[in-house]
PDB file of N, CA and C in Angstrom:
ATOM      1  N   MET A   1     -19.275 186.631 115.400  1.00  0.00           N
ATOM      2  CA  MET A   1     -18.074 185.462 116.001  1.00  0.00           C
ATOM      3  C   MET A   1     -18.092 185.826 117.406  1.00  0.00           C
ATOM      4  N   LYS A   2     -18.823 186.668 117.874  1.00  0.00           N
ATOM      5  CA  LYS A   2     -18.920 186.769 119.097  1.00  0.00           C
ATOM      6  C   LYS A   2     -21.232 186.042 120.170  1.00  0.00           C
ATOM      7  N   THR A   3     -21.526 185.109 118.659  1.00  0.00           N
ATOM      8  CA  THR A   3     -22.821 185.688 118.963  1.00  0.00           C
ATOM      9  C   THR A   3     -22.033 183.759 119.380  1.00  0.00           C
ATOM     10  N   GLY A   4     -22.069 183.444 118.971  1.00  0.00           N
ATOM     11  CA  GLY A   4     -20.894 181.791 119.127  1.00  0.00           C
ATOM     12  C   GLY A   4     -20.825 181.641 119.898  1.00  0.00           C
ATOM     13  N   ALA A   5     -19.797 182.114 120.702  1.00  0.00           N
ATOM     14  CA  ALA A   5     -19.024 181.920 121.809  1.00  0.00           C
ATOM     15  C   ALA A   5     -20.135 182.233 122.546  1.00  0.00           C
ATOM     16  N   ALA A   6     -21.322 183.148 122.593  1.00  0.00           N
ATOM     17  CA  ALA A   6     -22.673 183.376 123.724  1.00  0.00           C
ATOM     18  C   ALA A   6     -23.050 182.377 123.559  1.00  0.00           C
ATOM     19  N   VAL A   7     -23.365 181.718 122.725  1.00  0.00           N
ATOM     20  CA  VAL A   7     -24.718 180.245 122.232  1.00  0.00           C
ATOM     21  C   VAL A   7     -22.906 179.503 122.968  1.00  0.00           C
ATOM     22  N   TRP A   8     -22.194 178.546 122.916  1.00  0.00           N
ATOM     23  CA  TRP A   8     -21.256 177.963 123.060  1.00  0.00           C
ATOM     24  C   TRP A   8     -21.124 178.420 124.659  1.00  0.00           C
ATOM     25  N   ARG A   9     -21.398 178.564 125.543  1.00  0.00           N
ATOM     26  CA  ARG A   9     -21.336 179.031 126.195  1.00  0.00           C
ATOM     27  C   ARG A   9     -22.687 179.376 127.112  1.00  0.00           C
ATOM     28  N   LEU A  10     -23.624 179.462 127.088  1.00  0.00           N
ATOM     29  CA  LEU A  10     -24.865 178.944 127.101  1.00  0.00           C
ATOM     30  C   LEU A  10     -25.016 177.547 127.343  1.00  0.00           C
ATOM     31  N   VAL A  11     -24.593 176.846 126.083  1.00  0.00           N
ATOM     32  CA  VAL A  11     -24.240 175.141 126.830  1.00  0.00           C
ATOM     33  C   VAL A  11     -24.054 174.358 127.263  1.00  0.00           C
ATOM     34  N   VAL A  12     -23.394 174.780 127.792  1.00  0.00           N
ATOM     35  CA  VAL A  12     -22.050 174.569 128.534  1.00  0.00           C
ATOM     36  C   VAL A  12     -22.888 174.819 129.977  1.00  0.00           C
ATOM     37  N   VAL A  13     -22.937 175.614 130.246  1.00  0.00           N
ATOM     38  CA  VAL A  13     -23.803 176.542 132.008  1.00  0.00           C
ATOM     39  C   VAL A  13     -25.668 175.554 131.489  1.00  0.00           C
ATOM     40  N   GLY A  14     -26.162 175.017 130.877  1.00  0.00           N
ATOM     41  CA  GLY A  14     -26.854 173.723 130.098  1.00  0.00           C
ATOM     42  C   GLY A  14     -26.696 173.072 131.237  1.00  0.00           C
ATOM     43  N   ILE A  15     -25.288 172.206 130.289  1.00  0.00           N
ATOM     44  CA  ILE A  15     -25.351 171.245 130.147  1.00  0.00           C
ATOM     45  C   ILE A  15     -25.380 170.486 132.378  1.00  0.00           C
ATOM     46  N   ILE A  16     -24.535 171.525 132.567  1.00  0.00           N
ATOM     47  CA  ILE A  16     -23.645 171.774 134.391  1.00  0.00           C
ATOM     48  C   ILE A  16     -25.283 172.228 135.221  1.00  0.00           C
ATOM     49  N   ALA A  17     -25.687 173.038 134.663  1.00  0.00           N
ATOM     50  CA  ALA A  17     -26.910 172.681 135.557  1.00  0.00           C
ATOM     51  C   ALA A  17     -27.698 171.602 135.102  1.00  0.00           C
ATOM     52  N   GLY A  18     -27.840 170.526 134.274  1.00  0.00           N
ATOM     53  CA  GLY A  18     -28.670 169.519 134.290  1.00  0.00           C
ATOM     54  C   GLY A  18     -28.754 168.704 134.664  1.00  0.00           C
ATOM     55  N   LEU A  19     -27.094 168.530 134.872  1.00  0.00           N
ATOM     56  CA  LEU A  19     -26.616 167.667 135.670  1.00  0.00           C
ATOM     57  C   LEU A  19     -26.760 168.118 137.118  1.00  0.00           C
ATOM     58  N   SER A  20     -26.919 168.662 137.282  1.00  0.00           N
ATOM     59  CA  SER A  20     -26.816 169.496 139.062  1.00  0.00           C
ATOM     60  C   SER A  20     -27.588 169.366 138.983  1.00  0.00           C
ATOM     61  N   PHE A  21     -29.008 169.255 138.455  1.00  0.00           N
ATOM     62  CA  PHE A  21     -30.582 169.096 138.414  1.00  0.00           C
ATOM     63  C   PHE A  21     -30.337 167.686 139.074  1.00  0.00           C
ATOM     64  N   VAL A  22     -30.785 166.141 138.114  1.00  0.00           N
ATOM     65  CA  VAL A  22     -30.056 164.844 137.996  1.00  0.00           C
ATOM     66  C   VAL A  22     -29.175 164.846 139.881  1.00  0.00           C
ATOM     67  N   LEU A  23     -28.712 165.279 140.149  1.00  0.00           N
ATOM     68  CA  LEU A  23     -27.959 165.253 141.333  1.00  0.00           C
ATOM     69  C   LEU A  23     -27.943 165.688 142.651  1.00  0.00           C
ATOM     70  N   LEU A  24     -28.625 166.319 142.731  1.00  0.00           N
ATOM     71  CA  LEU A  24     -29.606 167.058 143.574  1.00  0.00           C
ATOM     72  C   LEU A  24     -30.930 166.446 143.772  1.00  0.00           C
ATOM     73  N   ASN A  25     -31.570 166.023 142.854  1.00  0.00           N
ATOM     74  CA  ASN A  25     -33.178 164.864 142.790  1.00  0.00           C
ATOM     75  C   ASN A  25     -32.858 163.582 143.240  1.00  0.00           C
ATOM     76  N   ASN A  26     -31.631 162.954 143.002  1.00  0.00           N
ATOM     77  CA  ASN A  26     -30.770 161.448 142.879  1.00  0.00           C
ATOM     78  C   ASN A  26     -30.875 161.412 145.024  1.00  0.00           C
ATOM     79  N   VAL A  27     -29.449 162.996 145.401  1.00  0.00           N
ATOM     80  CA  VAL A  27     -30.309 162.494 146.979  1.00  0.00           C
ATOM     81  C   VAL A  27     -30.553 163.364 147.652  1.00  0.00           C
ATOM     82  N   ILE A  28     -32.041 163.963 147.594  1.00  0.00           N
ATOM     83  CA  ILE A  28     -33.428 164.209 148.013  1.00  0.00           C
ATOM     84  C   ILE A  28     -33.586 162.495 147.748  1.00  0.00           C
ATOM     85  N   THR A  29     -34.344 161.795 146.402  1.00  0.00           N
ATOM     86  CA  THR A  29     -35.191 161.391 147.149  1.00  0.00           C
ATOM     87  C   THR A  29     -34.174 159.692 148.128  1.00  0.00           C
ATOM     88  N   GLN A  30     -32.784 160.015 148.067  1.00  0.00           N
ATOM     89  CA  GLN A  30     -32.306 159.052 148.538  1.00  0.00           C
ATOM     90  C   GLN A  30     -32.673 156.982 148.197  1.00  0.00           C
ATOM     91  N   PRO A  31     -32.749 156.363 147.293  1.00  0.00           N
ATOM     92  CA  PRO A  31     -33.025 155.562 146.959  1.00  0.00           C
ATOM     93  C   PRO A  31     -32.322 154.289 147.690  1.00  0.00           C
ATOM     94  N   VAL A  32     -32.758 153.586 148.252  1.00  0.00           N
ATOM     95  CA  VAL A  32     -32.663 152.775 149.377  1.00  0.00           C
ATOM     96  C   VAL A  32     -31.743 151.486 148.489  1.00  0.00           C
ATOM     97  N   ALA A  33     -31.097 150.818 149.272  1.00  0.00           N
ATOM     98  CA  ALA A  33     -30.114 149.491 147.786  1.00  0.00           C
ATOM     99  C   ALA A  33     -30.687 148.503 147.050  1.00  0.00           C
ATOM    100  N   GLN A  34     -30.994 147.511 146.205  1.00  0.00           N
ATOM    101  CA  GLN A  34     -31.489 146.348 145.105  1.00  0.00           C
ATOM    102  C   GLN A  34     -32.136 145.493 146.597  1.00  0.00           C
ATOM    103  N   GLY A  35     -31.197 145.431 147.955  1.00  0.00           N
ATOM    104  CA  GLY A  35     -31.571 143.757 148.054  1.00  0.00           C
ATOM    105  C   GLY A  35     -32.861 144.179 149.161  1.00  0.00           C
ATOM    106  N   VAL A  36     -33.886 144.122 148.682  1.00  0.00           N
ATOM    107  CA  VAL A  36     -34.714 144.228 149.896  1.00  0.00           C
ATOM    108  C   VAL A  36     -36.350 144.045 149.708  1.00  0.00           C
ATOM    109  N   ARG A  37     -36.449 143.973 151.221  1.00  0.00           N
ATOM    110  CA  ARG A  37     -37.624 142.560 150.290  1.00  0.00           C
ATOM    111  C   ARG A  37     -39.243 143.286 151.747  1.00  0.00           C
ATOM    112  N   THR A  38     -40.492 142.542 151.442  1.00  0.00           N
ATOM    113  CA  THR A  38     -41.869 143.865 151.465  1.00  0.00           C
ATOM    114  C   THR A  38     -42.001 143.443 153.216  1.00  0.00           C
ATOM    115  N   TYR A  39     -42.441 144.076 153.673  1.00  0.00           N
ATOM    116  CA  TYR A  39     -43.426 144.025 154.939  1.00  0.00           C
ATOM    117  C   TYR A  39     -44.429 144.623 155.063  1.00  0.00           C
ATOM    118  N   THR A  40     -45.344 144.093 155.815  1.00  0.00           N
ATOM    119  CA  THR A  40     -46.296 145.502 156.276  1.00  0.00           C
ATOM    120  C   THR A  40     -47.136 144.395 156.766  1.00  0.00           C
ATOM    121  N   ALA A  41     -47.485 146.289 158.348  1.00  0.00           N
ATOM    122  CA  ALA A  41     -47.651 146.486 159.507  1.00  0.00           C
ATOM    123  C   ALA A  41     -48.759 147.240 159.496  1.00  0.00           C
ATOM    124  N   GLU A  42     -49.706 146.603 160.749  1.00  0.00           N
ATOM    125  CA  GLU A  42     -51.181 147.722 161.107  1.00  0.00           C
ATOM    126  C   GLU A  42     -50.775 148.134 162.329  1.00  0.00           C
ATOM    127  N   PHE A  43     -50.985 149.582 161.191  1.00  0.00           N
ATOM    128  CA  PHE A  43     -51.149 150.902 163.211  1.00  0.00           C
ATOM    129  C   PHE A  43     -52.116 151.255 163.608  1.00  0.00           C
ATOM    130  N   THR A  44     -53.527 151.511 164.109  1.00  0.00           N
ATOM    131  CA  THR A  44     -53.943 152.615 164.870  1.00  0.00           C
ATOM    132  C   THR A  44     -53.768 153.731 164.211  1.00  0.00           C
ATOM    133  N   ASP A  45     -52.492 154.036 164.083  1.00  0.00           N
ATOM    134  CA  ASP A  45     -52.258 155.794 164.414  1.00  0.00           C
ATOM    135  C   ASP A  45     -51.302 155.907 163.088  1.00  0.00           C
ATOM    136  N   THR A  46     -51.928 156.210 161.931  1.00  0.00           N
ATOM    137  CA  THR A  46     -50.245 156.364 160.635  1.00  0.00           C
ATOM    138  C   THR A  46     -51.283 158.126 160.126  1.00  0.00           C
ATOM    139  N   SER A  47     -51.739 158.499 161.098  1.00  0.00           N
ATOM    140  CA  SER A  47     -51.799 160.271 159.995  1.00  0.00           C
ATOM    141  C   SER A  47     -50.390 161.566 159.198  1.00  0.00           C
ATOM    142  N   GLY A  48     -49.883 162.199 158.889  1.00  0.00           N
ATOM    143  CA  GLY A  48     -48.996 161.963 158.578  1.00  0.00           C
ATOM    144  C   GLY A  48     -48.087 161.797 157.716  1.00  0.00           C
ATOM    145  N   LEU A  49     -48.153 159.739 158.202  1.00  0.00           N
ATOM    146  CA  LEU A  49     -47.584 158.926 157.381  1.00  0.00           C
ATOM    147  C   LEU A  49     -47.616 158.810 155.868  1.00  0.00           C
ATOM    148  N   TYR A  50     -46.263 158.968 155.162  1.00  0.00           N
ATOM    149  CA  TYR A  50     -47.216 159.492 152.901  1.00  0.00           C
ATOM    150  C   TYR A  50     -45.455 157.647 152.530  1.00  0.00           C
ATOM    151  N   PRO A  51     -46.823 157.790 151.670  1.00  0.00           N
ATOM    152  CA  PRO A  51     -45.851 156.348 151.066  1.00  0.00           C
ATOM    153  C   PRO A  51     -44.284 156.939 151.047  1.00  0.00           C
ATOM    154  N   GLY A  52     -43.283 156.728 149.963  1.00  0.00           N
ATOM    155  CA  GLY A  52     -42.407 157.374 150.362  1.00  0.00           C
ATOM    156  C   GLY A  52     -41.426 157.993 151.204  1.00  0.00           C
ATOM    157  N   ALA A  53     -41.743 157.604 152.076  1.00  0.00           N
ATOM    158  CA  ALA A  53     -41.327 157.960 154.007  1.00  0.00           C
ATOM    159  C   ALA A  53     -39.908 156.909 153.445  1.00  0.00           C
ATOM    160  N   ASP A  54     -39.261 157.493 154.478  1.00  0.00           N
ATOM    161  CA  ASP A  54     -38.183 156.540 155.051  1.00  0.00           C
ATOM    162  C   ASP A  54     -38.436 155.946 155.926  1.00  0.00           C
ATOM    163  N   VAL A  55     -38.159 153.966 156.127  1.00  0.00           N
ATOM    164  CA  VAL A  55     -37.897 153.314 157.637  1.00  0.00           C
ATOM    165  C   VAL A  55     -36.768 153.452 158.229  1.00  0.00           C
ATOM    166  N   ARG A  56     -36.165 154.090 159.191  1.00  0.00           N
ATOM    167  CA  ARG A  56     -34.689 154.327 159.989  1.00  0.00           C
ATOM    168  C   ARG A  56     -35.198 152.846 160.951  1.00  0.00           C
ATOM    169  N   VAL A  57     -33.601 152.282 160.879  1.00  0.00           N
ATOM    170  CA  VAL A  57     -33.406 151.828 162.268  1.00  0.00           C
ATOM    171  C   VAL A  57     -31.937 152.478 163.048  1.00  0.00           C
ATOM    172  N   ARG A  58     -32.642 152.899 163.601  1.00  0.00           N
ATOM    173  CA  ARG A  58     -31.440 153.511 165.161  1.00  0.00           C
ATOM    174  C   ARG A  58     -30.894 154.335 163.954  1.00  0.00           C
ATOM    175  N   GLY A  59     -31.708 155.914 163.198  1.00  0.00           N
ATOM    176  CA  GLY A  59     -31.721 156.699 162.880  1.00  0.00           C
ATOM    177  C   GLY A  59     -30.771 156.667 161.499  1.00  0.00           C
ATOM    178  N   VAL A  60     -30.764 154.982 160.761  1.00  0.00           N
ATOM    179  CA  VAL A  60     -29.718 154.911 159.710  1.00  0.00           C
ATOM    180  C   VAL A  60     -31.128 154.733 158.811  1.00  0.00           C
ATOM    181  N   ARG A  61     -31.007 154.877 157.247  1.00  0.00           N
ATOM    182  CA  ARG A  61     -32.454 154.688 156.630  1.00  0.00           C
ATOM    183  C   ARG A  61     -32.311 153.423 156.262  1.00  0.00           C
ATOM    184  N   VAL A  62     -33.177 152.654 155.897  1.00  0.00           N
ATOM    185  CA  VAL A  62     -33.114 151.521 155.773  1.00  0.00           C
ATOM    186  C   VAL A  62     -33.664 150.428 154.641  1.00  0.00           C
ATOM    187  N   GLY A  63     -35.307 152.051 154.168  1.00  0.00           N
ATOM    188  CA  GLY A  63     -36.253 151.130 153.855  1.00  0.00           C
ATOM    189  C   GLY A  63     -37.244 152.386 153.006  1.00  0.00           C
ATOM    190  N   LYS A  64     -38.003 152.453 152.436  1.00  0.00           N
ATOM    191  CA  LYS A  64     -39.214 152.965 151.736  1.00  0.00           C
ATOM    192  C   LYS A  64     -40.565 152.861 153.043  1.00  0.00           C
ATOM    193  N   VAL A  65     -41.489 153.616 152.611  1.00  0.00           N
ATOM    194  CA  VAL A  65     -42.980 152.941 153.259  1.00  0.00           C
ATOM    195  C   VAL A  65     -43.836 153.328 152.312  1.00  0.00           C
ATOM    196  N   GLN A  66     -44.244 151.743 150.935  1.00  0.00           N
ATOM    197  CA  GLN A  66     -44.476 152.063 150.403  1.00  0.00           C
ATOM    198  C   GLN A  66     -46.148 152.064 149.824  1.00  0.00           C
ATOM    199  N   SER A  67     -46.739 151.482 150.581  1.00  0.00           N
ATOM    200  CA  SER A  67     -48.364 151.856 150.762  1.00  0.00           C
ATOM    201  C   SER A  67     -48.312 152.238 151.530  1.00  0.00           C
ATOM    202  N   VAL A  68     -50.345 152.968 152.125  1.00  0.00           N
ATOM    203  CA  VAL A  68     -50.631 153.440 153.671  1.00  0.00           C
ATOM    204  C   VAL A  68     -51.629 153.141 152.919  1.00  0.00           C
ATOM    205  N   GLU A  69     -52.635 152.089 153.727  1.00  0.00           N
ATOM    206  CA  GLU A  69     -54.181 152.086 153.302  1.00  0.00           C
ATOM    207  C   GLU A  69     -54.861 151.807 154.836  1.00  0.00           C
ATOM    208  N   LEU A  70     -56.329 152.234 154.326  1.00  0.00           N
ATOM    209  CA  LEU A  70     -56.926 151.841 155.694  1.00  0.00           C
ATOM    210  C   LEU A  70     -57.909 150.922 155.897  1.00  0.00           C
ATOM    211  N   GLU A  71     -57.779 149.390 156.086  1.00  0.00           N
ATOM    212  CA  GLU A  71     -58.859 148.563 156.595  1.00  0.00           C
ATOM    213  C   GLU A  71     -59.301 148.716 157.774  1.00  0.00           C
ATOM    214  N   ARG A  72     -60.453 147.553 157.197  1.00  0.00           N
ATOM    215  CA  ARG A  72     -60.967 147.984 158.800  1.00  0.00           C
ATOM    216  C   ARG A  72     -60.999 145.906 159.268  1.00  0.00           C
ATOM    217  N   HIS A  73     -60.300 145.188 160.795  1.00  0.00           N
ATOM    218  CA  HIS A  73     -60.226 144.178 161.077  1.00  0.00           C
ATOM    219  C   HIS A  73     -61.346 144.381 161.995  1.00  0.00           C
ATOM    220  N   ASP A  74     -62.352 143.431 162.372  1.00  0.00           N
ATOM    221  CA  ASP A  74     -62.802 142.763 163.709  1.00  0.00           C
ATOM    222  C   ASP A  74     -64.048 144.121 164.582  1.00  0.00           C
ATOM    223  N   GLY A  75     -64.586 144.312 163.407  1.00  0.00           N
ATOM    224  CA  GLY A  75     -65.447 145.747 163.717  1.00  0.00           C
ATOM    225  C   GLY A  75     -63.875 146.953 163.589  1.00  0.00           C
ATOM    226  N   GLN A  76     -62.448 147.343 163.370  1.00  0.00           N
ATOM    227  CA  GLN A  76     -62.415 148.305 164.278  1.00  0.00           C
ATOM    228  C   GLN A  76     -61.572 148.970 163.045  1.00  0.00           C
ATOM    229  N   SER A  77     -61.210 150.267 162.879  1.00  0.00           N
ATOM    230  CA  SER A  77     -60.520 150.616 161.320  1.00  0.00           C
ATOM    231  C   SER A  77     -58.789 150.390 161.769  1.00  0.00           C
ATOM    232  N   VAL A  78     -57.984 150.269 161.232  1.00  0.00           N
ATOM    233  CA  VAL A  78     -56.339 150.091 161.244  1.00  0.00           C
ATOM    234  C   VAL A  78     -56.379 150.917 159.783  1.00  0.00           C
ATOM    235  N   SER A  79     -54.699 151.256 160.289  1.00  0.00           N
ATOM    236  CA  SER A  79     -54.196 151.434 158.821  1.00  0.00           C
ATOM    237  C   SER A  79     -53.057 150.393 158.355  1.00  0.00           C
ATOM    238  N   ALA A  80     -53.263 150.432 157.275  1.00  0.00           N
ATOM    239  CA  ALA A  80     -52.377 148.920 156.683  1.00  0.00           C
ATOM    240  C   ALA A  80     -50.499 149.498 155.504  1.00  0.00           C
ATOM    241  N   VAL A  81     -49.627 149.617 156.585  1.00  0.00           N
ATOM    242  CA  VAL A  81     -48.085 149.948 156.192  1.00  0.00           C
ATOM    243  C   VAL A  81     -47.270 148.881 155.371  1.00  0.00           C
ATOM    244  N   GLY A  82     -47.669 149.332 153.816  1.00  0.00           N
ATOM    245  CA  GLY A  82     -46.906 148.309 153.091  1.00  0.00           C
ATOM    246  C   GLY A  82     -45.552 149.201 152.688  1.00  0.00           C
ATOM    247  N   PHE A  83     -44.536 148.580 153.403  1.00  0.00           N
ATOM    248  CA  PHE A  83     -42.732 149.223 153.383  1.00  0.00           C
ATOM    249  C   PHE A  83     -41.604 147.734 152.852  1.00  0.00           C
ATOM    250  N   THR A  84     -40.802 148.525 152.249  1.00  0.00           N
ATOM    251  CA  THR A  84     -39.389 147.390 152.349  1.00  0.00           C
ATOM    252  C   THR A  84     -38.381 147.689 153.640  1.00  0.00           C
ATOM    253  N   LEU A  85     -37.823 146.911 153.389  1.00  0.00           N
ATOM    254  CA  LEU A  85     -36.264 147.166 153.877  1.00  0.00           C
ATOM    255  C   LEU A  85     -35.822 145.650 153.501  1.00  0.00           C
ATOM    256  N   GLU A  86     -34.500 146.451 153.957  1.00  0.00           N
ATOM    257  CA  GLU A  86     -32.796 145.727 153.044  1.00  0.00           C
ATOM    258  C   GLU A  86     -32.778 144.384 153.963  1.00  0.00           C
ATOM    259  N   ARG A  87     -32.342 143.495 153.461  1.00  0.00           N
ATOM    260  CA  ARG A  87     -32.571 142.430 153.541  1.00  0.00           C
ATOM    261  C   ARG A  87     -31.972 142.264 154.690  1.00  0.00           C
ATOM    262  N   ARG A  88     -30.235 142.607 155.263  1.00  0.00           N
ATOM    263  CA  ARG A  88     -29.715 142.251 156.178  1.00  0.00           C
ATOM    264  C   ARG A  88     -30.267 142.738 157.537  1.00  0.00           C
ATOM    265  N   TYR A  89     -31.558 143.483 157.469  1.00  0.00           N
ATOM    266  CA  TYR A  89     -32.453 143.544 158.470  1.00  0.00           C
ATOM    267  C   TYR A  89     -34.029 142.614 158.146  1.00  0.00           C
ATOM    268  N   ALA A  90     -34.643 142.791 159.259  1.00  0.00           N
ATOM    269  CA  ALA A  90     -35.925 141.649 159.406  1.00  0.00           C
ATOM    270  C   ALA A  90     -36.911 142.153 160.085  1.00  0.00           C
ATOM    271  N   VAL A  91     -37.834 141.759 159.721  1.00  0.00           N
ATOM    272  CA  VAL A  91     -39.272 141.601 161.108  1.00  0.00           C
ATOM    273  C   VAL A  91     -38.944 140.678 161.625  1.00  0.00           C
ATOM    274  N   VAL A  92     -39.091 140.379 162.651  1.00  0.00           N
ATOM    275  CA  VAL A  92     -39.249 138.390 163.255  1.00  0.00           C
ATOM    276  C   VAL A  92     -40.554 138.889 164.301  1.00  0.00           C
ATOM    277  N   SER A  93     -41.466 138.126 165.241  1.00  0.00           N
ATOM    278  CA  SER A  93     -41.987 137.660 165.829  1.00  0.00           C
ATOM    279  C   SER A  93     -42.378 139.031 166.679  1.00  0.00           C
ATOM    280  N   THR A  94     -41.456 139.309 167.659  1.00  0.00           N
ATOM    281  CA  THR A  94     -40.139 139.742 168.449  1.00  0.00           C
ATOM    282  C   THR A  94     -40.849 141.500 168.346  1.00  0.00           C
ATOM    283  N   SER A  95     -40.289 141.922 166.836  1.00  0.00           N
ATOM    284  CA  SER A  95     -39.879 143.307 166.480  1.00  0.00           C
ATOM    285  C   SER A  95     -40.876 143.476 166.869  1.00  0.00           C
ATOM    286  N   ARG A  96     -41.068 145.272 167.715  1.00  0.00           N
ATOM    287  CA  ARG A  96     -41.775 146.311 168.195  1.00  0.00           C
ATOM    288  C   ARG A  96     -41.506 147.341 167.441  1.00  0.00           C
ATOM    289  N   LEU A  97     -42.727 147.255 165.914  1.00  0.00           N
ATOM    290  CA  LEU A  97     -42.265 148.696 164.809  1.00  0.00           C
ATOM    291  C   LEU A  97     -43.015 150.504 165.513  1.00  0.00           C
ATOM    292  N   ALA A  98     -42.208 151.748 165.068  1.00  0.00           N
ATOM    293  CA  ALA A  98     -43.246 152.986 165.576  1.00  0.00           C
ATOM    294  C   ALA A  98     -43.144 154.072 164.734  1.00  0.00           C
ATOM    295  N   ILE A  99     -43.949 154.721 164.275  1.00  0.00           N
ATOM    296  CA  ILE A  99     -44.118 155.644 163.496  1.00  0.00           C
ATOM    297  C   ILE A  99     -43.801 156.149 164.594  1.00  0.00           C
ATOM    298  N   LYS A 100     -42.941 157.716 164.033  1.00  0.00           N
ATOM    299  CA  LYS A 100     -42.404 159.189 165.692  1.00  0.00           C
ATOM    300  C   LYS A 100     -42.688 160.157 164.024  1.00  0.00           C
ATOM    301  N   TYR A 101     -42.546 160.678 164.566  1.00  0.00           N
ATOM    302  CA  TYR A 101     -42.403 162.079 164.064  1.00  0.00           C
ATOM    303  C   TYR A 101     -41.097 162.302 163.506  1.00  0.00           C
ATOM    304  N   GLN A 102     -40.837 162.803 162.226  1.00  0.00           N
ATOM    305  CA  GLN A 102     -39.537 163.094 162.014  1.00  0.00           C
ATOM    306  C   GLN A 102     -39.688 164.983 161.624  1.00  0.00           C
ATOM    307  N   SER A 103     -39.823 165.539 162.235  1.00  0.00           N
ATOM    308  CA  SER A 103     -39.358 166.954 163.319  1.00  0.00           C
ATOM    309  C   SER A 103     -41.094 167.887 163.124  1.00  0.00           C
ATOM    310  N   LEU A 104     -40.511 168.068 164.080  1.00  0.00           N
ATOM    311  CA  LEU A 104     -41.443 170.025 164.451  1.00  0.00           C
ATOM    312  C   LEU A 104     -42.558 169.832 163.797  1.00  0.00           C
ATOM    313  N   THR A 105     -42.754 169.858 162.792  1.00  0.00           N
ATOM    314  CA  THR A 105     -43.893 170.066 161.620  1.00  0.00           C
ATOM    315  C   THR A 105     -45.233 169.142 161.766  1.00  0.00           C
ATOM    316  N   GLY A 106     -44.847 167.500 162.526  1.00  0.00           N
ATOM    317  CA  GLY A 106     -46.181 166.744 161.973  1.00  0.00           C
ATOM    318  C   GLY A 106     -45.900 166.011 161.298  1.00  0.00           C
ATOM    319  N   SER A 107     -43.895 166.078 160.320  1.00  0.00           N
ATOM    320  CA  SER A 107     -44.116 165.244 159.460  1.00  0.00           C
ATOM    321  C   SER A 107     -44.253 164.374 159.647  1.00  0.00           C
ATOM    322  N   ARG A 108     -44.136 162.382 159.040  1.00  0.00           N
ATOM    323  CA  ARG A 108     -43.778 160.721 160.151  1.00  0.00           C
ATOM    324  C   ARG A 108     -42.971 160.117 159.292  1.00  0.00           C
TER     325      ARG A 108
END
């Protein structure tokens, strides 16, 4: 009888731990809403930027970086950054994009 109670408790704790792990993983990855547009922008310095990084407008996460690739244009190396942006935001010809440090350790 004691073995059955111990197994039951172990199963309950395992289920709670599994659900907690899934919830924590979803909070950390912070998925973006479904309605997004895809853009590409060119920068001269993207050191520390990585796919999956947040795209923010006034500190609010509105998209994700999809890719960071090195390209050559007119004898100059530039980084082409592919990113998504929620549909309620847009990039127009007068938009100014910047890559800023997210923390003091240099992650962007």
